[in-house]
């Protein structure tokens, strides 16, 4: 069985802060996408590819998948939805060593993710890849999906890593405009976070910010979503990558000082066999300590990456 580059992706540690999409038919963009520093590269066979180019895109995508070994990113392919009649062919065509995950659009019922699991297992066997290696990111992007997200995610097979919220399709189906402060999707964002975490999955990923030149708005919205429990965001425009990475990693001086104080004082308490303490008038126990550790780990990773880039 081949594992190849898959062995470098530890899904218990993998950060998915900036998830950059690239059209699966565009060879020029496919050649450049690994240079932007995103945590994940998503080669898109769905919305970014015209119907008459779908078959050709499978071949360019398959050829591109193994080329990102030096990018330090998870390699993902978004296939066409289960009702299109194209998903099976997409999976069969693009499962090859170097592929880390499959993004599945229009997940609306409890049957879709188990069916994808079966298709991936067959494709992994055919490719000589250990069954279960390729993970799944499920796109929940319609009112129907949000209405049933708890059942959908509770029934998810073990290879499902997390869910992605597709705000664009969601608001389109509702017939509403998405404004800059995103109040229209607050309920949906919160519901999905709760469903994902209740199912024991990794924190969800937010959908794209489509006002490409509004950097301030993007960063503010990322911070809102981060505060709700999202771990990262889909990006469709390479200059957004650094903004999103910063928003999902950086802390204010006060936040960093508080997190480091929690870690230091709680570890000192643990050495005395004490597992709950008071710091600056606030109760601190294991969950608070673990959250502080996670925040500092993200911050340190981002700083190290920034230093290398400079």
C-alpha atoms as a PDB file:
ATOM      1  CA  UNK A   1       0.000   0.000   0.000  1.00  0.00           C
ATOM      2  CA  UNK A   2       1.248   3.483  -0.849  1.00  0.00           C
ATOM      3  CA  UNK A   3       1.195   6.307   1.606  1.00  0.00           C
ATOM      4  CA  UNK A   4       3.629   8.689  -0.066  1.00  0.00           C
ATOM      5  CA  UNK A   5       3.167  12.318   0.988  1.00  0.00           C
ATOM      6  CA  UNK A   6       0.059  11.389   3.004  1.00  0.00           C
ATOM      7  CA  UNK A   7       2.301  10.412   5.913  1.00  0.00           C
ATOM      8  CA  UNK A   8       3.252  14.090   6.323  1.00  0.00           C
ATOM      9  CA  UNK A   9      -0.317  15.172   7.080  1.00  0.00           C
ATOM     10  CA  UNK A  10      -1.227  14.650  10.717  1.00  0.00           C
ATOM     11  CA  UNK A  11      -4.924  15.428  10.813  1.00  0.00           C
ATOM     12  CA  UNK A  12      -4.889  15.797  14.593  1.00  0.00           C
ATOM     13  CA  UNK A  13      -2.492  18.733  14.168  1.00  0.00           C
ATOM     14  CA  UNK A  14      -3.205  20.073  10.670  1.00  0.00           C
ATOM     15  CA  UNK A  15      -4.259  23.720  10.652  1.00  0.00           C
ATOM     16  CA  UNK A  16      -6.840  24.737   8.066  1.00  0.00           C
ATOM     17  CA  UNK A  17      -6.869  28.486   8.552  1.00  0.00           C
ATOM     18  CA  UNK A  18      -6.540  29.559   4.924  1.00  0.00           C
ATOM     19  CA  UNK A  19      -8.064  27.194   2.354  1.00  0.00           C
ATOM     20  CA  UNK A  20      -7.254  28.463  -1.134  1.00  0.00           C
ATOM     21  CA  UNK A  21      -9.328  27.428  -4.152  1.00  0.00           C
ATOM     22  CA  UNK A  22      -7.960  27.065  -7.685  1.00  0.00           C
ATOM     23  CA  UNK A  23      -9.842  26.017 -10.861  1.00  0.00           C
ATOM     24  CA  UNK A  24      -9.059  22.431 -11.815  1.00  0.00           C
ATOM     25  CA  UNK A  25      -8.871  23.337 -15.499  1.00  0.00           C
ATOM     26  CA  UNK A  26      -6.402  26.234 -15.270  1.00  0.00           C
ATOM     27  CA  UNK A  27      -2.879  24.839 -15.641  1.00  0.00           C
ATOM     28  CA  UNK A  28      -1.231  28.231 -15.106  1.00  0.00           C
ATOM     29  CA  UNK A  29      -2.997  28.814 -11.791  1.00  0.00           C
ATOM     30  CA  UNK A  30      -2.453  25.201 -10.742  1.00  0.00           C
ATOM     31  CA  UNK A  31       1.277  25.689 -11.211  1.00  0.00           C
ATOM     32  CA  UNK A  32       1.321  28.820  -9.004  1.00  0.00           C
ATOM     33  CA  UNK A  33      -1.146  27.984  -6.226  1.00  0.00           C
ATOM     34  CA  UNK A  34       1.400  26.226  -4.021  1.00  0.00           C
ATOM     35  CA  UNK A  35       3.439  29.414  -3.642  1.00  0.00           C
ATOM     36  CA  UNK A  36       0.906  31.459  -1.667  1.00  0.00           C
ATOM     37  CA  UNK A  37       1.346  29.789   1.728  1.00  0.00           C
ATOM     38  CA  UNK A  38      -2.213  28.558   2.312  1.00  0.00           C
ATOM     39  CA  UNK A  39      -2.766  25.721   4.780  1.00  0.00           C
ATOM     40  CA  UNK A  40      -4.766  23.835   2.154  1.00  0.00           C
ATOM     41  CA  UNK A  41      -5.031  23.941  -1.632  1.00  0.00           C
ATOM     42  CA  UNK A  42      -8.452  23.032  -3.031  1.00  0.00           C
ATOM     43  CA  UNK A  43      -8.479  22.099  -6.709  1.00  0.00           C
ATOM     44  CA  UNK A  44     -12.035  22.785  -7.808  1.00  0.00           C
ATOM     45  CA  UNK A  45     -13.880  20.549 -10.264  1.00  0.00           C
ATOM     46  CA  UNK A  46     -17.294  22.015  -9.434  1.00  0.00           C
ATOM     47  CA  UNK A  47     -18.230  25.701  -9.735  1.00  0.00           C
ATOM     48  CA  UNK A  48     -14.920  26.859 -11.225  1.00  0.00           C
ATOM     49  CA  UNK A  49     -15.136  24.518 -14.237  1.00  0.00           C
ATOM     50  CA  UNK A  50     -17.591  24.879 -17.128  1.00  0.00           C
ATOM     51  CA  UNK A  51     -19.712  21.849 -17.987  1.00  0.00           C
ATOM     52  CA  UNK A  52     -17.941  21.211 -21.283  1.00  0.00           C
ATOM     53  CA  UNK A  53     -14.560  21.179 -19.512  1.00  0.00           C
ATOM     54  CA  UNK A  54     -15.417  18.816 -16.652  1.00  0.00           C
ATOM     55  CA  UNK A  55     -13.777  15.733 -18.180  1.00  0.00           C
ATOM     56  CA  UNK A  56     -10.609  17.581 -19.190  1.00  0.00           C
ATOM     57  CA  UNK A  57     -10.372  19.107 -15.707  1.00  0.00           C
ATOM     58  CA  UNK A  58     -10.144  15.646 -14.173  1.00  0.00           C
ATOM     59  CA  UNK A  59      -6.943  14.998 -16.064  1.00  0.00           C
ATOM     60  CA  UNK A  60      -5.302  18.345 -15.260  1.00  0.00           C
ATOM     61  CA  UNK A  61      -6.300  17.898 -11.626  1.00  0.00           C
ATOM     62  CA  UNK A  62      -4.896  14.382 -11.401  1.00  0.00           C
ATOM     63  CA  UNK A  63      -1.624  15.581 -12.899  1.00  0.00           C
ATOM     64  CA  UNK A  64      -1.426  18.508 -10.450  1.00  0.00           C
ATOM     65  CA  UNK A  65      -2.164  16.621  -7.216  1.00  0.00           C
ATOM     66  CA  UNK A  66       1.309  15.058  -6.715  1.00  0.00           C
ATOM     67  CA  UNK A  67       3.171  18.305  -7.478  1.00  0.00           C
ATOM     68  CA  UNK A  68       2.567  20.119  -4.180  1.00  0.00           C
ATOM     69  CA  UNK A  69       4.901  18.117  -1.951  1.00  0.00           C
ATOM     70  CA  UNK A  70       6.989  21.180  -1.084  1.00  0.00           C
ATOM     71  CA  UNK A  71       4.048  23.516  -0.489  1.00  0.00           C
ATOM     72  CA  UNK A  72       3.464  22.427   3.105  1.00  0.00           C
ATOM     73  CA  UNK A  73      -0.271  22.385   2.436  1.00  0.00           C
ATOM     74  CA  UNK A  74      -2.993  19.764   2.518  1.00  0.00           C
ATOM     75  CA  UNK A  75      -4.034  18.925  -1.053  1.00  0.00           C
ATOM     76  CA  UNK A  76      -7.802  18.749  -1.512  1.00  0.00           C
ATOM     77  CA  UNK A  77     -10.070  18.257  -4.533  1.00  0.00           C
ATOM     78  CA  UNK A  78     -13.639  19.547  -4.603  1.00  0.00           C
ATOM     79  CA  UNK A  79     -15.642  17.118  -6.697  1.00  0.00           C
ATOM     80  CA  UNK A  80     -19.043  17.663  -8.260  1.00  0.00           C
ATOM     81  CA  UNK A  81     -22.107  16.958  -6.122  1.00  0.00           C
ATOM     82  CA  UNK A  82     -23.703  13.568  -5.687  1.00  0.00           C
ATOM     83  CA  UNK A  83     -26.821  14.488  -7.692  1.00  0.00           C
ATOM     84  CA  UNK A  84     -24.878  15.626 -10.772  1.00  0.00           C
ATOM     85  CA  UNK A  85     -23.898  12.175 -11.982  1.00  0.00           C
ATOM     86  CA  UNK A  86     -20.263  13.304 -12.062  1.00  0.00           C
ATOM     87  CA  UNK A  87     -19.058  12.561  -8.539  1.00  0.00           C
ATOM     88  CA  UNK A  88     -18.218   8.903  -9.118  1.00  0.00           C
ATOM     89  CA  UNK A  89     -16.104   9.706 -12.172  1.00  0.00           C
ATOM     90  CA  UNK A  90     -14.401  12.590 -10.390  1.00  0.00           C
ATOM     91  CA  UNK A  91     -13.371  10.412  -7.460  1.00  0.00           C
ATOM     92  CA  UNK A  92     -12.183   7.586  -9.682  1.00  0.00           C
ATOM     93  CA  UNK A  93     -10.114  10.005 -11.765  1.00  0.00           C
ATOM     94  CA  UNK A  94      -8.389  12.076  -9.078  1.00  0.00           C
ATOM     95  CA  UNK A  95      -7.633   9.645  -6.246  1.00  0.00           C
ATOM     96  CA  UNK A  96      -3.881   9.276  -6.490  1.00  0.00           C
ATOM     97  CA  UNK A  97      -0.945   9.427  -4.044  1.00  0.00           C
ATOM     98  CA  UNK A  98      -0.556  13.033  -2.937  1.00  0.00           C
ATOM     99  CA  UNK A  99      -4.269  13.643  -2.381  1.00  0.00           C
ATOM    100  CA  UNK A 100      -5.048  14.400   1.259  1.00  0.00           C
ATOM    101  CA  UNK A 101      -8.764  15.139   1.252  1.00  0.00           C
ATOM    102  CA  UNK A 102     -11.912  15.393  -0.812  1.00  0.00           C
ATOM    103  CA  UNK A 103     -14.323  18.305  -0.461  1.00  0.00           C
ATOM    104  CA  UNK A 104     -17.913  17.252  -1.111  1.00  0.00           C
ATOM    105  CA  UNK A 105     -20.443  19.954  -2.080  1.00  0.00           C
ATOM    106  CA  UNK A 106     -24.176  20.061  -1.443  1.00  0.00           C
ATOM    107  CA  UNK A 107     -24.243  17.632   1.477  1.00  0.00           C
ATOM    108  CA  UNK A 108     -27.925  17.677   2.419  1.00  0.00           C
ATOM    109  CA  UNK A 109     -28.808  14.257   3.848  1.00  0.00           C
ATOM    110  CA  UNK A 110     -27.404  11.463   5.996  1.00  0.00           C
ATOM    111  CA  UNK A 111     -26.752   9.201   2.995  1.00  0.00           C
ATOM    112  CA  UNK A 112     -24.261  11.394   1.116  1.00  0.00           C
ATOM    113  CA  UNK A 113     -21.166  11.165   3.313  1.00  0.00           C
ATOM    114  CA  UNK A 114     -21.392   7.365   3.813  1.00  0.00           C
ATOM    115  CA  UNK A 115     -21.746   6.980   0.034  1.00  0.00           C
ATOM    116  CA  UNK A 116     -18.662   9.134  -0.512  1.00  0.00           C
ATOM    117  CA  UNK A 117     -16.830   6.976   2.024  1.00  0.00           C
ATOM    118  CA  UNK A 118     -17.644   3.873  -0.047  1.00  0.00           C
ATOM    119  CA  UNK A 119     -16.544   5.487  -3.307  1.00  0.00           C
ATOM    120  CA  UNK A 120     -13.288   6.684  -1.778  1.00  0.00           C
ATOM    121  CA  UNK A 121     -12.536   3.267  -0.302  1.00  0.00           C
ATOM    122  CA  UNK A 122     -12.948   1.658  -3.735  1.00  0.00           C
ATOM    123  CA  UNK A 123     -10.747   4.314  -5.344  1.00  0.00           C
ATOM    124  CA  UNK A 124      -8.078   3.989  -2.641  1.00  0.00           C
ATOM    125  CA  UNK A 125      -7.891   0.228  -3.176  1.00  0.00           C
ATOM    126  CA  UNK A 126      -7.591   0.721  -6.923  1.00  0.00           C
ATOM    127  CA  UNK A 127      -4.783   3.258  -6.413  1.00  0.00           C
ATOM    128  CA  UNK A 128      -2.924   1.151  -3.853  1.00  0.00           C
ATOM    129  CA  UNK A 129      -3.592   3.648  -1.066  1.00  0.00           C
ATOM    130  CA  UNK A 130      -4.477   2.509   2.441  1.00  0.00           C
ATOM    131  CA  UNK A 131      -8.251   2.704   2.894  1.00  0.00           C
ATOM    132  CA  UNK A 132      -9.241   5.677   5.049  1.00  0.00           C
ATOM    133  CA  UNK A 133      -6.170   7.758   4.191  1.00  0.00           C
ATOM    134  CA  UNK A 134      -8.066  10.407   2.228  1.00  0.00           C
ATOM    135  CA  UNK A 135     -10.196  12.599   4.484  1.00  0.00           C
ATOM    136  CA  UNK A 136     -13.463  14.349   3.673  1.00  0.00           C
ATOM    137  CA  UNK A 137     -14.568  17.955   4.134  1.00  0.00           C
ATOM    138  CA  UNK A 138     -18.339  18.217   3.763  1.00  0.00           C
ATOM    139  CA  UNK A 139     -19.841  21.427   2.369  1.00  0.00           C
ATOM    140  CA  UNK A 140     -23.113  22.325   4.064  1.00  0.00           C
ATOM    141  CA  UNK A 141     -24.449  25.213   2.029  1.00  0.00           C
ATOM    142  CA  UNK A 142     -28.243  25.094   1.793  1.00  0.00           C
ATOM    143  CA  UNK A 143     -31.179  25.653   4.155  1.00  0.00           C
ATOM    144  CA  UNK A 144     -31.930  21.923   3.943  1.00  0.00           C
ATOM    145  CA  UNK A 145     -28.379  21.092   4.995  1.00  0.00           C
ATOM    146  CA  UNK A 146     -28.516  23.470   7.966  1.00  0.00           C
ATOM    147  CA  UNK A 147     -31.919  22.111   8.991  1.00  0.00           C
ATOM    148  CA  UNK A 148     -30.457  18.604   9.230  1.00  0.00           C
ATOM    149  CA  UNK A 149     -26.816  19.314  10.071  1.00  0.00           C
ATOM    150  CA  UNK A 150     -26.894  17.510  13.425  1.00  0.00           C
ATOM    151  CA  UNK A 151     -28.120  14.234  11.894  1.00  0.00           C
ATOM    152  CA  UNK A 152     -25.842  14.551   8.852  1.00  0.00           C
ATOM    153  CA  UNK A 153     -22.692  15.038  10.913  1.00  0.00           C
ATOM    154  CA  UNK A 154     -23.612  12.544  13.623  1.00  0.00           C
ATOM    155  CA  UNK A 155     -23.794   9.896  10.867  1.00  0.00           C
ATOM    156  CA  UNK A 156     -20.498  10.935   9.281  1.00  0.00           C
ATOM    157  CA  UNK A 157     -17.930   8.147   8.709  1.00  0.00           C
ATOM    158  CA  UNK A 158     -14.580   8.374  10.551  1.00  0.00           C
ATOM    159  CA  UNK A 159     -12.763   9.828   7.531  1.00  0.00           C
ATOM    160  CA  UNK A 160     -14.882  13.006   7.698  1.00  0.00           C
ATOM    161  CA  UNK A 161     -12.617  15.669   9.207  1.00  0.00           C
ATOM    162  CA  UNK A 162     -14.964  18.645   9.436  1.00  0.00           C
ATOM    163  CA  UNK A 163     -17.622  20.687   7.640  1.00  0.00           C
ATOM    164  CA  UNK A 164     -17.388  23.833   5.540  1.00  0.00           C
ATOM    165  CA  UNK A 165     -20.111  26.489   5.592  1.00  0.00           C
ATOM    166  CA  UNK A 166     -21.134  27.761   2.163  1.00  0.00           C
ATOM    167  CA  UNK A 167     -22.731  31.119   2.911  1.00  0.00           C
ATOM    168  CA  UNK A 168     -23.071  32.121  -0.743  1.00  0.00           C
ATOM    169  CA  UNK A 169     -25.386  29.309  -1.781  1.00  0.00           C
ATOM    170  CA  UNK A 170     -27.160  29.469   1.580  1.00  0.00           C
ATOM    171  CA  UNK A 171     -28.113  33.139   1.256  1.00  0.00           C
ATOM    172  CA  UNK A 172     -28.966  32.717  -2.424  1.00  0.00           C
ATOM    173  CA  UNK A 173     -31.493  30.010  -1.594  1.00  0.00           C
ATOM    174  CA  UNK A 174     -32.953  32.205   1.136  1.00  0.00           C
ATOM    175  CA  UNK A 175     -33.218  35.081  -1.337  1.00  0.00           C
ATOM    176  CA  UNK A 176     -31.322  37.506   0.889  1.00  0.00           C
ATOM    177  CA  UNK A 177     -28.240  39.697   0.525  1.00  0.00           C
ATOM    178  CA  UNK A 178     -25.213  39.115   2.725  1.00  0.00           C
ATOM    179  CA  UNK A 179     -24.147  42.414   4.262  1.00  0.00           C
ATOM    180  CA  UNK A 180     -20.719  43.420   5.541  1.00  0.00           C
ATOM    181  CA  UNK A 181     -21.392  42.555   9.176  1.00  0.00           C
ATOM    182  CA  UNK A 182     -22.853  39.144   8.222  1.00  0.00           C
ATOM    183  CA  UNK A 183     -25.705  39.276  10.734  1.00  0.00           C
ATOM    184  CA  UNK A 184     -27.860  37.367   8.227  1.00  0.00           C
ATOM    185  CA  UNK A 185     -25.804  34.187   8.717  1.00  0.00           C
ATOM    186  CA  UNK A 186     -25.107  34.367  12.454  1.00  0.00           C
ATOM    187  CA  UNK A 187     -27.688  31.684  13.273  1.00  0.00           C
ATOM    188  CA  UNK A 188     -26.416  29.347  10.553  1.00  0.00           C
ATOM    189  CA  UNK A 189     -22.785  29.808  11.544  1.00  0.00           C
ATOM    190  CA  UNK A 190     -23.555  29.066  15.187  1.00  0.00           C
ATOM    191  CA  UNK A 191     -25.717  26.061  14.407  1.00  0.00           C
ATOM    192  CA  UNK A 192     -23.046  24.491  12.220  1.00  0.00           C
ATOM    193  CA  UNK A 193     -20.307  24.999  14.812  1.00  0.00           C
ATOM    194  CA  UNK A 194     -22.427  23.288  17.433  1.00  0.00           C
ATOM    195  CA  UNK A 195     -23.328  20.372  15.141  1.00  0.00           C
ATOM    196  CA  UNK A 196     -19.717  19.850  14.085  1.00  0.00           C
ATOM    197  CA  UNK A 197     -18.383  19.841  17.625  1.00  0.00           C
ATOM    198  CA  UNK A 198     -21.239  17.675  18.922  1.00  0.00           C
ATOM    199  CA  UNK A 199     -20.265  15.106  16.283  1.00  0.00           C
ATOM    200  CA  UNK A 200     -16.678  15.116  17.543  1.00  0.00           C
ATOM    201  CA  UNK A 201     -15.238  16.675  14.392  1.00  0.00           C
ATOM    202  CA  UNK A 202     -12.581  19.362  14.021  1.00  0.00           C
ATOM    203  CA  UNK A 203     -13.721  22.994  14.106  1.00  0.00           C
ATOM    204  CA  UNK A 204     -15.504  24.002  10.883  1.00  0.00           C
ATOM    205  CA  UNK A 205     -14.251  26.182   8.033  1.00  0.00           C
ATOM    206  CA  UNK A 206     -16.053  29.344   6.970  1.00  0.00           C
ATOM    207  CA  UNK A 207     -16.968  30.238   3.397  1.00  0.00           C
ATOM    208  CA  UNK A 208     -15.272  32.843   1.182  1.00  0.00           C
ATOM    209  CA  UNK A 209     -15.304  36.626   1.493  1.00  0.00           C
ATOM    210  CA  UNK A 210     -16.275  37.836  -1.963  1.00  0.00           C
ATOM    211  CA  UNK A 211     -15.535  41.575  -1.596  1.00  0.00           C
ATOM    212  CA  UNK A 212     -12.016  40.978  -2.870  1.00  0.00           C
ATOM    213  CA  UNK A 213     -10.591  44.448  -2.194  1.00  0.00           C
ATOM    214  CA  UNK A 214     -12.198  44.914   1.237  1.00  0.00           C
ATOM    215  CA  UNK A 215      -9.289  43.759   3.371  1.00  0.00           C
ATOM    216  CA  UNK A 216     -10.571  45.442   6.533  1.00  0.00           C
ATOM    217  CA  UNK A 217     -13.976  43.815   6.159  1.00  0.00           C
ATOM    218  CA  UNK A 218     -12.397  40.412   5.546  1.00  0.00           C
ATOM    219  CA  UNK A 219     -10.222  40.588   8.637  1.00  0.00           C
ATOM    220  CA  UNK A 220     -13.111  41.757  10.819  1.00  0.00           C
ATOM    221  CA  UNK A 221     -15.368  38.982   9.536  1.00  0.00           C
ATOM    222  CA  UNK A 222     -12.665  36.367  10.085  1.00  0.00           C
ATOM    223  CA  UNK A 223     -12.361  37.511  13.684  1.00  0.00           C
ATOM    224  CA  UNK A 224     -16.136  37.242  14.093  1.00  0.00           C
ATOM    225  CA  UNK A 225     -16.149  33.705  12.732  1.00  0.00           C
ATOM    226  CA  UNK A 226     -13.107  32.761  14.794  1.00  0.00           C
ATOM    227  CA  UNK A 227     -14.939  34.001  17.882  1.00  0.00           C
ATOM    228  CA  UNK A 228     -17.836  31.679  17.036  1.00  0.00           C
ATOM    229  CA  UNK A 229     -15.572  28.642  16.778  1.00  0.00           C
ATOM    230  CA  UNK A 230     -14.396  28.466  13.156  1.00  0.00           C
ATOM    231  CA  UNK A 231     -10.811  27.393  12.521  1.00  0.00           C
ATOM    232  CA  UNK A 232     -10.324  29.034   9.142  1.00  0.00           C
ATOM    233  CA  UNK A 233     -11.781  30.274   5.899  1.00  0.00           C
ATOM    234  CA  UNK A 234     -12.066  29.449   2.227  1.00  0.00           C
ATOM    235  CA  UNK A 235     -10.227  31.964   0.035  1.00  0.00           C
ATOM    236  CA  UNK A 236     -10.687  32.446  -3.701  1.00  0.00           C
ATOM    237  CA  UNK A 237      -8.181  35.271  -4.153  1.00  0.00           C
ATOM    238  CA  UNK A 238      -4.480  34.696  -3.301  1.00  0.00           C
ATOM    239  CA  UNK A 239      -3.913  38.133  -1.659  1.00  0.00           C
ATOM    240  CA  UNK A 240      -6.509  37.119   0.956  1.00  0.00           C
ATOM    241  CA  UNK A 241      -4.351  34.247   2.227  1.00  0.00           C
ATOM    242  CA  UNK A 242      -2.090  36.323   4.489  1.00  0.00           C
ATOM    243  CA  UNK A 243      -5.029  38.329   5.841  1.00  0.00           C
ATOM    244  CA  UNK A 244      -6.897  35.169   6.783  1.00  0.00           C
ATOM    245  CA  UNK A 245      -3.836  33.526   8.318  1.00  0.00           C
ATOM    246  CA  UNK A 246      -3.241  36.600  10.473  1.00  0.00           C
ATOM    247  CA  UNK A 247      -6.879  36.849  11.558  1.00  0.00           C
ATOM    248  CA  UNK A 248      -7.017  33.200  12.625  1.00  0.00           C
ATOM    249  CA  UNK A 249      -3.601  33.196  14.312  1.00  0.00           C
ATOM    250  CA  UNK A 250      -2.681  36.577  15.776  1.00  0.00           C
ATOM    251  CA  UNK A 251      -3.438  37.717  19.322  1.00  0.00           C
ATOM    252  CA  UNK A 252      -3.370  41.181  20.799  1.00  0.00           C
ATOM    253  CA  UNK A 253      -0.572  41.840  23.286  1.00  0.00           C
ATOM    254  CA  UNK A 254      -3.089  41.529  26.106  1.00  0.00           C
ATOM    255  CA  UNK A 255      -4.499  38.247  24.760  1.00  0.00           C
ATOM    256  CA  UNK A 256      -1.034  36.766  24.343  1.00  0.00           C
ATOM    257  CA  UNK A 257       0.072  37.845  27.813  1.00  0.00           C
ATOM    258  CA  UNK A 258      -3.074  36.368  29.357  1.00  0.00           C
ATOM    259  CA  UNK A 259      -2.703  33.060  27.484  1.00  0.00           C
ATOM    260  CA  UNK A 260       0.950  32.667  28.443  1.00  0.00           C
ATOM    261  CA  UNK A 261       0.136  33.505  32.061  1.00  0.00           C
ATOM    262  CA  UNK A 262      -2.575  30.833  32.099  1.00  0.00           C
ATOM    263  CA  UNK A 263      -0.157  28.244  30.725  1.00  0.00           C
ATOM    264  CA  UNK A 264       2.643  29.114  33.139  1.00  0.00           C
ATOM    265  CA  UNK A 265       0.555  29.337  36.309  1.00  0.00           C
ATOM    266  CA  UNK A 266      -1.618  26.323  35.523  1.00  0.00           C
ATOM    267  CA  UNK A 267       1.420  24.141  34.855  1.00  0.00           C
ATOM    268  CA  UNK A 268       2.920  25.297  38.142  1.00  0.00           C
ATOM    269  CA  UNK A 269      -0.351  24.303  39.833  1.00  0.00           C
ATOM    270  CA  UNK A 270      -0.350  20.898  38.138  1.00  0.00           C
ATOM    271  CA  UNK A 271       3.111  20.270  39.556  1.00  0.00           C
ATOM    272  CA  UNK A 272       1.466  20.642  42.981  1.00  0.00           C
ATOM    273  CA  UNK A 273      -1.387  18.282  41.935  1.00  0.00           C
ATOM    274  CA  UNK A 274      -3.815  21.208  41.714  1.00  0.00           C
ATOM    275  CA  UNK A 275      -6.038  21.291  38.611  1.00  0.00           C
ATOM    276  CA  UNK A 276      -8.145  24.396  39.177  1.00  0.00           C
ATOM    277  CA  UNK A 277      -6.848  27.840  40.101  1.00  0.00           C
ATOM    278  CA  UNK A 278      -7.736  31.522  40.036  1.00  0.00           C
ATOM    279  CA  UNK A 279      -5.813  33.936  37.801  1.00  0.00           C
ATOM    280  CA  UNK A 280      -6.618  37.661  37.839  1.00  0.00           C
ATOM    281  CA  UNK A 281     -10.016  36.927  39.321  1.00  0.00           C
ATOM    282  CA  UNK A 282     -10.923  34.279  36.718  1.00  0.00           C
ATOM    283  CA  UNK A 283     -11.383  30.553  37.278  1.00  0.00           C
ATOM    284  CA  UNK A 284      -8.948  28.416  35.259  1.00  0.00           C
ATOM    285  CA  UNK A 285      -9.108  24.643  34.790  1.00  0.00           C
ATOM    286  CA  UNK A 286      -8.068  22.157  32.104  1.00  0.00           C
ATOM    287  CA  UNK A 287     -10.376  23.439  29.313  1.00  0.00           C
ATOM    288  CA  UNK A 288      -9.143  27.024  29.757  1.00  0.00           C
ATOM    289  CA  UNK A 289      -5.550  25.806  29.869  1.00  0.00           C
ATOM    290  CA  UNK A 290      -5.958  23.735  26.686  1.00  0.00           C
ATOM    291  CA  UNK A 291      -7.525  26.679  24.863  1.00  0.00           C
ATOM    292  CA  UNK A 292      -4.616  28.917  25.879  1.00  0.00           C
ATOM    293  CA  UNK A 293      -2.136  26.289  24.669  1.00  0.00           C
ATOM    294  CA  UNK A 294      -3.910  26.007  21.319  1.00  0.00           C
ATOM    295  CA  UNK A 295      -3.936  29.786  20.842  1.00  0.00           C
ATOM    296  CA  UNK A 296      -0.245  30.126  21.602  1.00  0.00           C
ATOM    297  CA  UNK A 297       0.579  27.195  19.310  1.00  0.00           C
ATOM    298  CA  UNK A 298      -1.292  28.883  16.441  1.00  0.00           C
ATOM    299  CA  UNK A 299       0.411  32.179  17.200  1.00  0.00           C
ATOM    300  CA  UNK A 300       3.893  30.647  17.309  1.00  0.00           C
ATOM    301  CA  UNK A 301       3.289  28.752  14.056  1.00  0.00           C
ATOM    302  CA  UNK A 302       2.140  31.924  12.318  1.00  0.00           C
ATOM    303  CA  UNK A 303       5.102  33.930  13.638  1.00  0.00           C
ATOM    304  CA  UNK A 304       7.575  31.281  12.503  1.00  0.00           C
ATOM    305  CA  UNK A 305       6.019  31.254   9.053  1.00  0.00           C
ATOM    306  CA  UNK A 306       6.109  35.070   8.893  1.00  0.00           C
ATOM    307  CA  UNK A 307       9.804  35.111   9.848  1.00  0.00           C
ATOM    308  CA  UNK A 308      10.635  32.561   7.129  1.00  0.00           C
ATOM    309  CA  UNK A 309       8.692  34.562   4.538  1.00  0.00           C
ATOM    310  CA  UNK A 310      10.542  37.760   5.439  1.00  0.00           C
END
